[in-house]
C-alpha atoms as a PDB file:
ATOM      1  CA  UNK A   1       4.636 -20.547 -15.217  1.00  0.00           C
ATOM      2  CA  UNK A   2       7.849 -18.791 -14.212  1.00  0.00           C
ATOM      3  CA  UNK A   3       9.743 -22.074 -14.271  1.00  0.00           C
ATOM      4  CA  UNK A   4       7.250 -23.824 -11.977  1.00  0.00           C
ATOM      5  CA  UNK A   5       5.786 -27.133 -13.097  1.00  0.00           C
ATOM      6  CA  UNK A   6       3.276 -27.600 -10.260  1.00  0.00           C
ATOM      7  CA  UNK A   7      -0.062 -28.852 -11.516  1.00  0.00           C
ATOM      8  CA  UNK A   8      -2.934 -27.403  -9.558  1.00  0.00           C
ATOM      9  CA  UNK A   9      -5.201 -29.902  -7.847  1.00  0.00           C
ATOM     10  CA  UNK A  10      -8.132 -28.047  -6.300  1.00  0.00           C
ATOM     11  CA  UNK A  11      -8.745 -25.128  -8.656  1.00  0.00           C
ATOM     12  CA  UNK A  12      -8.404 -24.505 -12.359  1.00  0.00           C
ATOM     13  CA  UNK A  13      -5.976 -22.013 -13.835  1.00  0.00           C
ATOM     14  CA  UNK A  14      -5.000 -18.627 -12.485  1.00  0.00           C
ATOM     15  CA  UNK A  15      -7.322 -16.018 -13.966  1.00  0.00           C
ATOM     16  CA  UNK A  16      -6.253 -12.410 -13.459  1.00  0.00           C
ATOM     17  CA  UNK A  17      -8.667  -9.503 -13.728  1.00  0.00           C
ATOM     18  CA  UNK A  18      -7.555  -5.882 -13.510  1.00  0.00           C
ATOM     19  CA  UNK A  19      -9.745  -3.164 -12.070  1.00  0.00           C
ATOM     20  CA  UNK A  20      -9.462   0.265 -13.671  1.00  0.00           C
ATOM     21  CA  UNK A  21      -7.660   1.834 -10.677  1.00  0.00           C
ATOM     22  CA  UNK A  22      -4.151   0.408 -11.169  1.00  0.00           C
ATOM     23  CA  UNK A  23      -3.766  -0.991 -14.708  1.00  0.00           C
ATOM     24  CA  UNK A  24       0.043  -0.669 -14.827  1.00  0.00           C
ATOM     25  CA  UNK A  25       0.513  -2.664 -11.626  1.00  0.00           C
ATOM     26  CA  UNK A  26      -1.905  -5.354 -12.874  1.00  0.00           C
ATOM     27  CA  UNK A  27       0.041  -5.584 -16.149  1.00  0.00           C
ATOM     28  CA  UNK A  28       3.331  -6.037 -14.281  1.00  0.00           C
ATOM     29  CA  UNK A  29       1.809  -8.790 -12.110  1.00  0.00           C
ATOM     30  CA  UNK A  30       0.499 -10.583 -15.233  1.00  0.00           C
ATOM     31  CA  UNK A  31       3.901 -10.234 -16.890  1.00  0.00           C
ATOM     32  CA  UNK A  32       5.682 -11.707 -13.871  1.00  0.00           C
ATOM     33  CA  UNK A  33       3.278 -14.667 -13.844  1.00  0.00           C
ATOM     34  CA  UNK A  34       3.570 -15.080 -17.606  1.00  0.00           C
ATOM     35  CA  UNK A  35      -0.238 -14.864 -17.708  1.00  0.00           C
ATOM     36  CA  UNK A  36      -2.692 -12.716 -19.615  1.00  0.00           C
ATOM     37  CA  UNK A  37      -5.124 -10.308 -18.014  1.00  0.00           C
ATOM     38  CA  UNK A  38      -8.642 -11.566 -18.743  1.00  0.00           C
ATOM     39  CA  UNK A  39     -10.792  -9.177 -20.737  1.00  0.00           C
ATOM     40  CA  UNK A  40     -13.819  -7.534 -19.172  1.00  0.00           C
ATOM     41  CA  UNK A  41     -15.924  -4.426 -19.738  1.00  0.00           C
ATOM     42  CA  UNK A  42     -16.275  -1.833 -16.997  1.00  0.00           C
ATOM     43  CA  UNK A  43     -18.863   0.749 -17.990  1.00  0.00           C
ATOM     44  CA  UNK A  44     -19.793   3.880 -16.054  1.00  0.00           C
ATOM     45  CA  UNK A  45     -23.328   4.789 -17.106  1.00  0.00           C
ATOM     46  CA  UNK A  46     -24.476   8.438 -17.352  1.00  0.00           C
ATOM     47  CA  UNK A  47     -26.295   7.976 -14.023  1.00  0.00           C
ATOM     48  CA  UNK A  48     -22.959   7.030 -12.340  1.00  0.00           C
ATOM     49  CA  UNK A  49     -23.972   3.359 -12.033  1.00  0.00           C
ATOM     50  CA  UNK A  50     -21.205   0.866 -12.804  1.00  0.00           C
ATOM     51  CA  UNK A  51     -21.568  -2.237 -14.954  1.00  0.00           C
ATOM     52  CA  UNK A  52     -19.087  -5.134 -15.297  1.00  0.00           C
ATOM     53  CA  UNK A  53     -19.206  -7.874 -17.941  1.00  0.00           C
ATOM     54  CA  UNK A  54     -16.692 -10.717 -18.358  1.00  0.00           C
ATOM     55  CA  UNK A  55     -15.568 -11.728 -21.862  1.00  0.00           C
ATOM     56  CA  UNK A  56     -15.041 -15.383 -20.906  1.00  0.00           C
ATOM     57  CA  UNK A  57     -16.282 -17.945 -18.412  1.00  0.00           C
ATOM     58  CA  UNK A  58     -14.402 -18.378 -15.120  1.00  0.00           C
ATOM     59  CA  UNK A  59     -16.356 -21.439 -13.976  1.00  0.00           C
ATOM     60  CA  UNK A  60     -14.166 -23.612 -11.737  1.00  0.00           C
ATOM     61  CA  UNK A  61     -11.166 -21.259 -12.000  1.00  0.00           C
ATOM     62  CA  UNK A  62      -8.867 -19.607  -9.415  1.00  0.00           C
ATOM     63  CA  UNK A  63      -9.562 -15.902  -9.902  1.00  0.00           C
ATOM     64  CA  UNK A  64      -7.664 -12.831  -8.679  1.00  0.00           C
ATOM     65  CA  UNK A  65      -9.097  -9.304  -8.967  1.00  0.00           C
ATOM     66  CA  UNK A  66      -6.402  -6.611  -8.762  1.00  0.00           C
ATOM     67  CA  UNK A  67      -7.953  -3.302  -7.723  1.00  0.00           C
ATOM     68  CA  UNK A  68      -6.480  -0.616  -5.494  1.00  0.00           C
ATOM     69  CA  UNK A  69      -9.000   1.588  -3.677  1.00  0.00           C
ATOM     70  CA  UNK A  70      -7.438   5.035  -3.890  1.00  0.00           C
ATOM     71  CA  UNK A  71      -9.231   8.100  -5.334  1.00  0.00           C
ATOM     72  CA  UNK A  72     -11.967   8.130  -6.607  1.00  0.00           C
ATOM     73  CA  UNK A  73     -12.465   5.880  -3.571  1.00  0.00           C
ATOM     74  CA  UNK A  74     -16.199   5.193  -3.766  1.00  0.00           C
ATOM     75  CA  UNK A  75     -16.064   4.382  -7.489  1.00  0.00           C
ATOM     76  CA  UNK A  76     -13.005   2.122  -7.174  1.00  0.00           C
ATOM     77  CA  UNK A  77     -14.488   0.331  -4.168  1.00  0.00           C
ATOM     78  CA  UNK A  78     -17.846  -0.227  -5.895  1.00  0.00           C
ATOM     79  CA  UNK A  79     -16.053  -1.485  -9.014  1.00  0.00           C
ATOM     80  CA  UNK A  80     -14.165  -4.010  -6.864  1.00  0.00           C
ATOM     81  CA  UNK A  81     -17.398  -5.183  -5.172  1.00  0.00           C
ATOM     82  CA  UNK A  82     -19.308  -5.481  -8.457  1.00  0.00           C
ATOM     83  CA  UNK A  83     -16.390  -7.370 -10.059  1.00  0.00           C
ATOM     84  CA  UNK A  84     -16.298  -9.821  -7.142  1.00  0.00           C
ATOM     85  CA  UNK A  85     -20.036 -10.439  -7.399  1.00  0.00           C
ATOM     86  CA  UNK A  86     -19.837 -10.910 -11.176  1.00  0.00           C
ATOM     87  CA  UNK A  87     -17.188 -13.616 -10.688  1.00  0.00           C
ATOM     88  CA  UNK A  88     -19.162 -15.283  -7.896  1.00  0.00           C
ATOM     89  CA  UNK A  89     -22.273 -15.462 -10.106  1.00  0.00           C
ATOM     90  CA  UNK A  90     -20.172 -16.949 -12.924  1.00  0.00           C
ATOM     91  CA  UNK A  91     -19.222 -19.869 -10.616  1.00  0.00           C
ATOM     92  CA  UNK A  92     -15.514 -19.156 -10.091  1.00  0.00           C
ATOM     93  CA  UNK A  93     -14.022 -21.864  -7.835  1.00  0.00           C
ATOM     94  CA  UNK A  94     -12.139 -19.363  -5.666  1.00  0.00           C
ATOM     95  CA  UNK A  95     -12.021 -15.573  -5.739  1.00  0.00           C
ATOM     96  CA  UNK A  96      -9.240 -13.479  -4.194  1.00  0.00           C
ATOM     97  CA  UNK A  97      -9.488  -9.695  -3.850  1.00  0.00           C
ATOM     98  CA  UNK A  98      -5.985  -8.273  -4.376  1.00  0.00           C
ATOM     99  CA  UNK A  99      -6.207  -4.767  -2.903  1.00  0.00           C
ATOM    100  CA  UNK A 100      -2.738  -3.155  -2.788  1.00  0.00           C
ATOM    101  CA  UNK A 101      -4.097  -0.128  -0.900  1.00  0.00           C
ATOM    102  CA  UNK A 102      -7.202  -0.696   1.234  1.00  0.00           C
ATOM    103  CA  UNK A 103      -9.415   2.372   1.658  1.00  0.00           C
ATOM    104  CA  UNK A 104     -10.926   3.451   4.986  1.00  0.00           C
ATOM    105  CA  UNK A 105      -8.227   1.612   6.919  1.00  0.00           C
ATOM    106  CA  UNK A 106      -7.846   4.659   9.206  1.00  0.00           C
ATOM    107  CA  UNK A 107     -11.451   4.316  10.354  1.00  0.00           C
ATOM    108  CA  UNK A 108     -10.615   1.284  12.500  1.00  0.00           C
ATOM    109  CA  UNK A 109     -12.085   2.164  15.920  1.00  0.00           C
ATOM    110  CA  UNK A 110     -14.573   4.382  17.709  1.00  0.00           C
ATOM    111  CA  UNK A 111     -12.183   7.072  18.916  1.00  0.00           C
ATOM    112  CA  UNK A 112     -15.031   9.511  19.682  1.00  0.00           C
ATOM    113  CA  UNK A 113     -18.760   9.168  20.339  1.00  0.00           C
ATOM    114  CA  UNK A 114     -21.248   8.615  17.492  1.00  0.00           C
ATOM    115  CA  UNK A 115     -18.779   7.598  14.764  1.00  0.00           C
ATOM    116  CA  UNK A 116     -18.645   4.517  12.502  1.00  0.00           C
ATOM    117  CA  UNK A 117     -15.967   1.846  12.123  1.00  0.00           C
ATOM    118  CA  UNK A 118     -15.972   2.086   8.325  1.00  0.00           C
ATOM    119  CA  UNK A 119     -12.984  -0.203   7.947  1.00  0.00           C
ATOM    120  CA  UNK A 120     -15.080  -3.074   9.324  1.00  0.00           C
ATOM    121  CA  UNK A 121     -17.916  -2.182   6.924  1.00  0.00           C
ATOM    122  CA  UNK A 122     -15.538  -2.330   3.927  1.00  0.00           C
ATOM    123  CA  UNK A 123     -14.169  -5.765   4.904  1.00  0.00           C
ATOM    124  CA  UNK A 124     -17.741  -7.046   5.369  1.00  0.00           C
ATOM    125  CA  UNK A 125     -18.702  -5.771   1.902  1.00  0.00           C
ATOM    126  CA  UNK A 126     -15.702  -7.469   0.263  1.00  0.00           C
ATOM    127  CA  UNK A 127     -16.773 -10.774   1.834  1.00  0.00           C
ATOM    128  CA  UNK A 128     -20.479 -10.398   1.027  1.00  0.00           C
ATOM    129  CA  UNK A 129     -19.663  -9.467  -2.590  1.00  0.00           C
ATOM    130  CA  UNK A 130     -18.089 -12.892  -3.061  1.00  0.00           C
ATOM    131  CA  UNK A 131     -14.426 -12.864  -2.066  1.00  0.00           C
ATOM    132  CA  UNK A 132     -13.067 -16.133  -0.616  1.00  0.00           C
ATOM    133  CA  UNK A 133      -9.684 -14.631   0.196  1.00  0.00           C
ATOM    134  CA  UNK A 134      -7.954 -11.252   0.189  1.00  0.00           C
ATOM    135  CA  UNK A 135      -4.472  -9.772  -0.153  1.00  0.00           C
ATOM    136  CA  UNK A 136      -3.432  -6.305   0.905  1.00  0.00           C
ATOM    137  CA  UNK A 137      -0.276  -4.353   1.708  1.00  0.00           C
ATOM    138  CA  UNK A 138       0.594  -2.371   4.837  1.00  0.00           C
ATOM    139  CA  UNK A 139      -2.852  -1.443   6.174  1.00  0.00           C
ATOM    140  CA  UNK A 140      -2.727   1.658   8.370  1.00  0.00           C
ATOM    141  CA  UNK A 141      -4.005  -0.358  11.351  1.00  0.00           C
ATOM    142  CA  UNK A 142      -2.985  -3.978  11.877  1.00  0.00           C
ATOM    143  CA  UNK A 143      -6.312  -4.913  13.468  1.00  0.00           C
ATOM    144  CA  UNK A 144      -7.991  -4.635  10.037  1.00  0.00           C
ATOM    145  CA  UNK A 145      -6.940  -8.301   9.700  1.00  0.00           C
ATOM    146  CA  UNK A 146      -9.352  -9.134  12.502  1.00  0.00           C
ATOM    147  CA  UNK A 147     -12.255  -7.489  10.656  1.00  0.00           C
ATOM    148  CA  UNK A 148     -12.069 -10.108   7.882  1.00  0.00           C
ATOM    149  CA  UNK A 149     -13.595 -13.532   8.542  1.00  0.00           C
ATOM    150  CA  UNK A 150     -12.049 -14.952   5.355  1.00  0.00           C
ATOM    151  CA  UNK A 151      -8.378 -15.989   5.142  1.00  0.00           C
ATOM    152  CA  UNK A 152      -5.953 -13.563   3.587  1.00  0.00           C
ATOM    153  CA  UNK A 153      -2.381 -12.387   3.210  1.00  0.00           C
ATOM    154  CA  UNK A 154      -1.520  -9.087   4.873  1.00  0.00           C
ATOM    155  CA  UNK A 155       1.847  -8.255   3.356  1.00  0.00           C
ATOM    156  CA  UNK A 156       4.381  -5.517   3.855  1.00  0.00           C
ATOM    157  CA  UNK A 157       6.399  -3.739   1.180  1.00  0.00           C
ATOM    158  CA  UNK A 158       8.868  -2.386   3.747  1.00  0.00           C
ATOM    159  CA  UNK A 159      11.559  -4.916   2.720  1.00  0.00           C
ATOM    160  CA  UNK A 160      11.280  -3.627  -0.897  1.00  0.00           C
ATOM    161  CA  UNK A 161      12.051  -0.108   0.395  1.00  0.00           C
ATOM    162  CA  UNK A 162      14.834  -1.466   2.631  1.00  0.00           C
ATOM    163  CA  UNK A 163      16.426  -3.316  -0.299  1.00  0.00           C
ATOM    164  CA  UNK A 164      16.366  -0.144  -2.391  1.00  0.00           C
ATOM    165  CA  UNK A 165      18.050   1.835   0.403  1.00  0.00           C
ATOM    166  CA  UNK A 166      20.691  -0.890   0.890  1.00  0.00           C
ATOM    167  CA  UNK A 167      21.448  -1.132  -2.829  1.00  0.00           C
ATOM    168  CA  UNK A 168      21.353   2.562  -3.752  1.00  0.00           C
ATOM    169  CA  UNK A 169      21.803   4.830  -0.743  1.00  0.00           C
ATOM    170  CA  UNK A 170      23.750   3.169   2.064  1.00  0.00           C
ATOM    171  CA  UNK A 171      27.227   3.965   0.750  1.00  0.00           C
ATOM    172  CA  UNK A 172      26.568   7.657   0.262  1.00  0.00           C
ATOM    173  CA  UNK A 173      24.777   8.351   3.565  1.00  0.00           C
ATOM    174  CA  UNK A 174      26.522  10.044   6.515  1.00  0.00           C
ATOM    175  CA  UNK A 175      25.709   8.515   9.940  1.00  0.00           C
ATOM    176  CA  UNK A 176      22.160   7.756   8.789  1.00  0.00           C
ATOM    177  CA  UNK A 177      19.240   7.583  11.220  1.00  0.00           C
ATOM    178  CA  UNK A 178      15.661   6.364  10.683  1.00  0.00           C
ATOM    179  CA  UNK A 179      13.000   8.784  11.937  1.00  0.00           C
ATOM    180  CA  UNK A 180       9.219   8.395  12.341  1.00  0.00           C
ATOM    181  CA  UNK A 181       6.781  11.325  12.236  1.00  0.00           C
ATOM    182  CA  UNK A 182       4.984  10.187  15.394  1.00  0.00           C
ATOM    183  CA  UNK A 183       5.085   7.544  18.127  1.00  0.00           C
ATOM    184  CA  UNK A 184       2.260   5.591  16.447  1.00  0.00           C
ATOM    185  CA  UNK A 185       4.713   4.394  13.779  1.00  0.00           C
ATOM    186  CA  UNK A 186       7.529   3.812  16.294  1.00  0.00           C
ATOM    187  CA  UNK A 187       7.407  -0.004  16.197  1.00  0.00           C
ATOM    188  CA  UNK A 188       7.529  -0.175  12.402  1.00  0.00           C
ATOM    189  CA  UNK A 189      10.212   2.499  12.395  1.00  0.00           C
ATOM    190  CA  UNK A 190      12.274   0.318  14.710  1.00  0.00           C
ATOM    191  CA  UNK A 191      11.845  -2.591  12.256  1.00  0.00           C
ATOM    192  CA  UNK A 192      13.293  -0.419   9.460  1.00  0.00           C
ATOM    193  CA  UNK A 193      16.175   0.613  11.726  1.00  0.00           C
ATOM    194  CA  UNK A 194      16.880  -3.019  12.592  1.00  0.00           C
ATOM    195  CA  UNK A 195      16.721  -4.154   8.955  1.00  0.00           C
ATOM    196  CA  UNK A 196      19.085  -1.369   7.865  1.00  0.00           C
ATOM    197  CA  UNK A 197      21.281  -1.510  10.978  1.00  0.00           C
ATOM    198  CA  UNK A 198      20.714   2.175  11.815  1.00  0.00           C
ATOM    199  CA  UNK A 199      19.726   4.027  14.981  1.00  0.00           C
ATOM    200  CA  UNK A 200      16.185   5.331  15.261  1.00  0.00           C
ATOM    201  CA  UNK A 201      14.598   8.654  16.270  1.00  0.00           C
ATOM    202  CA  UNK A 202      10.941   9.495  16.926  1.00  0.00           C
ATOM    203  CA  UNK A 203       8.939  12.677  16.850  1.00  0.00           C
ATOM    204  CA  UNK A 204       6.778  13.167  19.910  1.00  0.00           C
ATOM    205  CA  UNK A 205       3.772  15.453  19.558  1.00  0.00           C
ATOM    206  CA  UNK A 206       2.043  17.120  22.473  1.00  0.00           C
ATOM    207  CA  UNK A 207      -1.180  19.065  22.399  1.00  0.00           C
ATOM    208  CA  UNK A 208      -0.510  22.376  24.162  1.00  0.00           C
ATOM    209  CA  UNK A 209      -3.922  24.000  23.712  1.00  0.00           C
ATOM    210  CA  UNK A 210      -7.363  23.080  22.507  1.00  0.00           C
ATOM    211  CA  UNK A 211      -7.023  24.171  18.897  1.00  0.00           C
ATOM    212  CA  UNK A 212      -6.089  21.434  16.451  1.00  0.00           C
ATOM    213  CA  UNK A 213      -2.776  22.946  15.317  1.00  0.00           C
ATOM    214  CA  UNK A 214      -1.275  23.763  18.704  1.00  0.00           C
ATOM    215  CA  UNK A 215       1.362  21.046  19.028  1.00  0.00           C
ATOM    216  CA  UNK A 216       4.737  21.002  20.682  1.00  0.00           C
ATOM    217  CA  UNK A 217       7.115  18.793  18.713  1.00  0.00           C
ATOM    218  CA  UNK A 218      10.103  17.100  20.191  1.00  0.00           C
ATOM    219  CA  UNK A 219      12.638  14.609  18.748  1.00  0.00           C
ATOM    220  CA  UNK A 220      13.513  11.567  20.844  1.00  0.00           C
ATOM    221  CA  UNK A 221      16.919  10.528  19.527  1.00  0.00           C
ATOM    222  CA  UNK A 222      19.851  12.240  17.806  1.00  0.00           C
ATOM    223  CA  UNK A 223      19.744  13.615  14.238  1.00  0.00           C
ATOM    224  CA  UNK A 224      22.459  16.269  14.557  1.00  0.00           C
ATOM    225  CA  UNK A 225      25.002  16.045  11.703  1.00  0.00           C
ATOM    226  CA  UNK A 226      23.281  12.937  10.346  1.00  0.00           C
ATOM    227  CA  UNK A 227      21.387  12.061   7.180  1.00  0.00           C
ATOM    228  CA  UNK A 228      17.779  11.345   8.138  1.00  0.00           C
ATOM    229  CA  UNK A 229      15.414   8.836   6.489  1.00  0.00           C
ATOM    230  CA  UNK A 230      11.814   9.608   7.485  1.00  0.00           C
ATOM    231  CA  UNK A 231       9.653   6.459   7.209  1.00  0.00           C
ATOM    232  CA  UNK A 232       5.857   6.138   7.187  1.00  0.00           C
ATOM    233  CA  UNK A 233       3.146   3.819   5.840  1.00  0.00           C
ATOM    234  CA  UNK A 234       1.325   6.393   3.705  1.00  0.00           C
ATOM    235  CA  UNK A 235       1.511  10.060   2.789  1.00  0.00           C
ATOM    236  CA  UNK A 236      -1.852  11.757   2.458  1.00  0.00           C
ATOM    237  CA  UNK A 237      -1.690  15.570   2.704  1.00  0.00           C
ATOM    238  CA  UNK A 238       2.030  15.770   3.529  1.00  0.00           C
ATOM    239  CA  UNK A 239       1.435  18.041   6.547  1.00  0.00           C
ATOM    240  CA  UNK A 240       3.139  15.811   9.139  1.00  0.00           C
ATOM    241  CA  UNK A 241       6.053  15.236   6.749  1.00  0.00           C
ATOM    242  CA  UNK A 242       6.599  18.987   6.311  1.00  0.00           C
ATOM    243  CA  UNK A 243       6.632  19.412  10.105  1.00  0.00           C
ATOM    244  CA  UNK A 244       9.038  16.508  10.503  1.00  0.00           C
ATOM    245  CA  UNK A 245      11.498  17.872   7.928  1.00  0.00           C
ATOM    246  CA  UNK A 246      11.523  21.323   9.566  1.00  0.00           C
ATOM    247  CA  UNK A 247      12.068  19.778  12.984  1.00  0.00           C
ATOM    248  CA  UNK A 248      14.902  17.573  11.691  1.00  0.00           C
ATOM    249  CA  UNK A 249      16.566  20.623  10.136  1.00  0.00           C
ATOM    250  CA  UNK A 250      16.192  22.649  13.366  1.00  0.00           C
ATOM    251  CA  UNK A 251      17.923  19.794  15.168  1.00  0.00           C
ATOM    252  CA  UNK A 252      20.911  19.822  12.813  1.00  0.00           C
ATOM    253  CA  UNK A 253      20.035  17.104  10.277  1.00  0.00           C
ATOM    254  CA  UNK A 254      22.004  16.934   7.026  1.00  0.00           C
ATOM    255  CA  UNK A 255      20.145  15.503   4.000  1.00  0.00           C
ATOM    256  CA  UNK A 256      16.590  14.313   4.547  1.00  0.00           C
ATOM    257  CA  UNK A 257      15.094  11.346   2.659  1.00  0.00           C
ATOM    258  CA  UNK A 258      11.474  10.197   2.743  1.00  0.00           C
ATOM    259  CA  UNK A 259      10.381   6.546   2.380  1.00  0.00           C
ATOM    260  CA  UNK A 260       6.778   5.305   2.551  1.00  0.00           C
ATOM    261  CA  UNK A 261       4.519   2.633   1.016  1.00  0.00           C
ATOM    262  CA  UNK A 262       1.294   4.291  -0.183  1.00  0.00           C
ATOM    263  CA  UNK A 263       1.487   7.580  -2.149  1.00  0.00           C
ATOM    264  CA  UNK A 264      -2.136   8.589  -1.447  1.00  0.00           C
ATOM    265  CA  UNK A 265      -1.357  12.271  -2.185  1.00  0.00           C
ATOM    266  CA  UNK A 266      -4.632  14.078  -1.475  1.00  0.00           C
ATOM    267  CA  UNK A 267      -5.373  17.573  -2.872  1.00  0.00           C
ATOM    268  CA  UNK A 268      -2.073  19.438  -3.358  1.00  0.00           C
ATOM    269  CA  UNK A 269       0.166  16.974  -1.456  1.00  0.00           C
ATOM    270  CA  UNK A 270       2.459  16.313  -4.439  1.00  0.00           C
ATOM    271  CA  UNK A 271       3.008  20.040  -4.910  1.00  0.00           C
ATOM    272  CA  UNK A 272       3.668  20.516  -1.190  1.00  0.00           C
ATOM    273  CA  UNK A 273       6.111  17.588  -1.025  1.00  0.00           C
ATOM    274  CA  UNK A 274       7.962  18.609  -4.177  1.00  0.00           C
ATOM    275  CA  UNK A 275       8.655  22.045  -2.665  1.00  0.00           C
ATOM    276  CA  UNK A 276      10.218  20.558   0.481  1.00  0.00           C
ATOM    277  CA  UNK A 277      13.956  20.240   0.973  1.00  0.00           C
ATOM    278  CA  UNK A 278      14.140  16.477   0.382  1.00  0.00           C
ATOM    279  CA  UNK A 279      17.090  14.674  -1.197  1.00  0.00           C
ATOM    280  CA  UNK A 280      14.912  11.783  -2.437  1.00  0.00           C
ATOM    281  CA  UNK A 281      11.411  10.362  -2.080  1.00  0.00           C
ATOM    282  CA  UNK A 282      11.089   6.568  -2.187  1.00  0.00           C
ATOM    283  CA  UNK A 283       7.658   4.980  -2.492  1.00  0.00           C
ATOM    284  CA  UNK A 284       5.808   2.140  -4.262  1.00  0.00           C
ATOM    285  CA  UNK A 285       3.140   1.692  -6.939  1.00  0.00           C
ATOM    286  CA  UNK A 286       0.292   0.519  -4.643  1.00  0.00           C
ATOM    287  CA  UNK A 287      -1.381   3.788  -5.654  1.00  0.00           C
ATOM    288  CA  UNK A 288      -0.613   5.155  -9.136  1.00  0.00           C
ATOM    289  CA  UNK A 289       0.922   8.648  -9.121  1.00  0.00           C
ATOM    290  CA  UNK A 290      -0.354  10.804 -12.007  1.00  0.00           C
ATOM    291  CA  UNK A 291       2.357  11.796 -14.494  1.00  0.00           C
ATOM    292  CA  UNK A 292       1.840  15.496 -13.768  1.00  0.00           C
ATOM    293  CA  UNK A 293       2.587  14.851 -10.089  1.00  0.00           C
ATOM    294  CA  UNK A 294       5.612  12.702 -10.921  1.00  0.00           C
ATOM    295  CA  UNK A 295       6.967  15.523 -13.082  1.00  0.00           C
ATOM    296  CA  UNK A 296       6.942  17.890 -10.070  1.00  0.00           C
ATOM    297  CA  UNK A 297       9.603  15.761  -8.353  1.00  0.00           C
ATOM    298  CA  UNK A 298      11.885  15.265 -11.363  1.00  0.00           C
ATOM    299  CA  UNK A 299      14.592  12.720 -10.597  1.00  0.00           C
ATOM    300  CA  UNK A 300      14.075  12.942  -6.816  1.00  0.00           C
ATOM    301  CA  UNK A 301      11.187  10.436  -6.982  1.00  0.00           C
ATOM    302  CA  UNK A 302      11.821   6.675  -6.947  1.00  0.00           C
ATOM    303  CA  UNK A 303       8.860   4.299  -7.353  1.00  0.00           C
ATOM    304  CA  UNK A 304       9.623   0.690  -6.369  1.00  0.00           C
ATOM    305  CA  UNK A 305       7.154  -1.829  -7.755  1.00  0.00           C
ATOM    306  CA  UNK A 306       5.254  -4.274  -5.520  1.00  0.00           C
ATOM    307  CA  UNK A 307       4.319  -6.403  -8.568  1.00  0.00           C
ATOM    308  CA  UNK A 308       6.863  -9.242  -8.022  1.00  0.00           C
ATOM    309  CA  UNK A 309       5.788  -9.535  -4.371  1.00  0.00           C
ATOM    310  CA  UNK A 310       2.061  -9.714  -5.169  1.00  0.00           C
ATOM    311  CA  UNK A 311       2.665 -12.032  -8.139  1.00  0.00           C
ATOM    312  CA  UNK A 312       4.761 -14.408  -6.045  1.00  0.00           C
ATOM    313  CA  UNK A 313       2.098 -14.515  -3.325  1.00  0.00           C
ATOM    314  CA  UNK A 314      -0.625 -15.134  -5.949  1.00  0.00           C
ATOM    315  CA  UNK A 315       1.441 -18.029  -7.326  1.00  0.00           C
ATOM    316  CA  UNK A 316       2.016 -19.527  -3.864  1.00  0.00           C
ATOM    317  CA  UNK A 317      -1.662 -19.154  -2.919  1.00  0.00           C
ATOM    318  CA  UNK A 318      -2.627 -20.862  -6.180  1.00  0.00           C
ATOM    319  CA  UNK A 319      -0.218 -23.745  -5.659  1.00  0.00           C
ATOM    320  CA  UNK A 320      -1.005 -24.112  -1.958  1.00  0.00           C
ATOM    321  CA  UNK A 321       2.538 -23.261  -0.820  1.00  0.00           C
ATOM    322  CA  UNK A 322       3.706 -21.242   2.174  1.00  0.00           C
ATOM    323  CA  UNK A 323       3.819 -17.460   1.805  1.00  0.00           C
ATOM    324  CA  UNK A 324       5.814 -17.141   5.052  1.00  0.00           C
ATOM    325  CA  UNK A 325       8.785 -18.881   3.375  1.00  0.00           C
ATOM    326  CA  UNK A 326       9.117 -15.846   1.108  1.00  0.00           C
ATOM    327  CA  UNK A 327      10.093 -13.843   4.194  1.00  0.00           C
ATOM    328  CA  UNK A 328      12.009 -16.669   5.954  1.00  0.00           C
ATOM    329  CA  UNK A 329       9.145 -17.052   8.425  1.00  0.00           C
END
């Protein structure tokens, strides 16, 4: 498998199952591992109930279910849970939920009275359904790791974005600066700046009245006469990004680039983003972007794949080798 000759001791072979949410990513992972995706039926009955049936036994095997939980969120999440339970009942030796984008990760605390912590509920459900381990990329809140009681690999795709910028953009940028859309992403923004050897700027937001839109925006740092790379973990509606671009322009920025991990793109986000004055948008395939949305951006959209990263971590988990070594940790 990919030049490795390690024989597995504790578990059988790697068995890969793809959910219906991100088939292309699952195919790329299988290709990288020189493995086949196992066949299964996923049926949505007329009453909206889901049914999963495996085509082969997984008894005693090391199984990985690849399913992102983007829209339709409830259906994709239920499909993941039902798949995990199906594998558990078929006596798989070990089951790992590979969830490139984990839904509800913003609902991570009680930030007002009488609200749920849905993120905790989702992690509980993944465990109860039968998962022994999990893998995910760049959750919105780091403490999601603490909601799981099972071991897992919380990975970041930021180095994939950094490598793309180094290989394709660095030489043509003028005095580039990394910018975050708010102070909440400041620490990760600083990591990007460090990795790319660039200065960093932050947008500070202040509520100036009681209505939800009344915000005074201020840039901490210098963007005047510089190319700006706005970084974030996910883009949902694109509202904050639009504000950030306008503010950068008002402060004398040259070209503006946008780099983020999860292209969630709710409602008309793709349309909104494609109309903005952006030189390039760099993202990943943790959430598939419909072709119609991709077409709106033309050649300004770059999608970096996370498949080699996830495949390598699957291989290391299977062989019982360190994942930290991948990142020199």
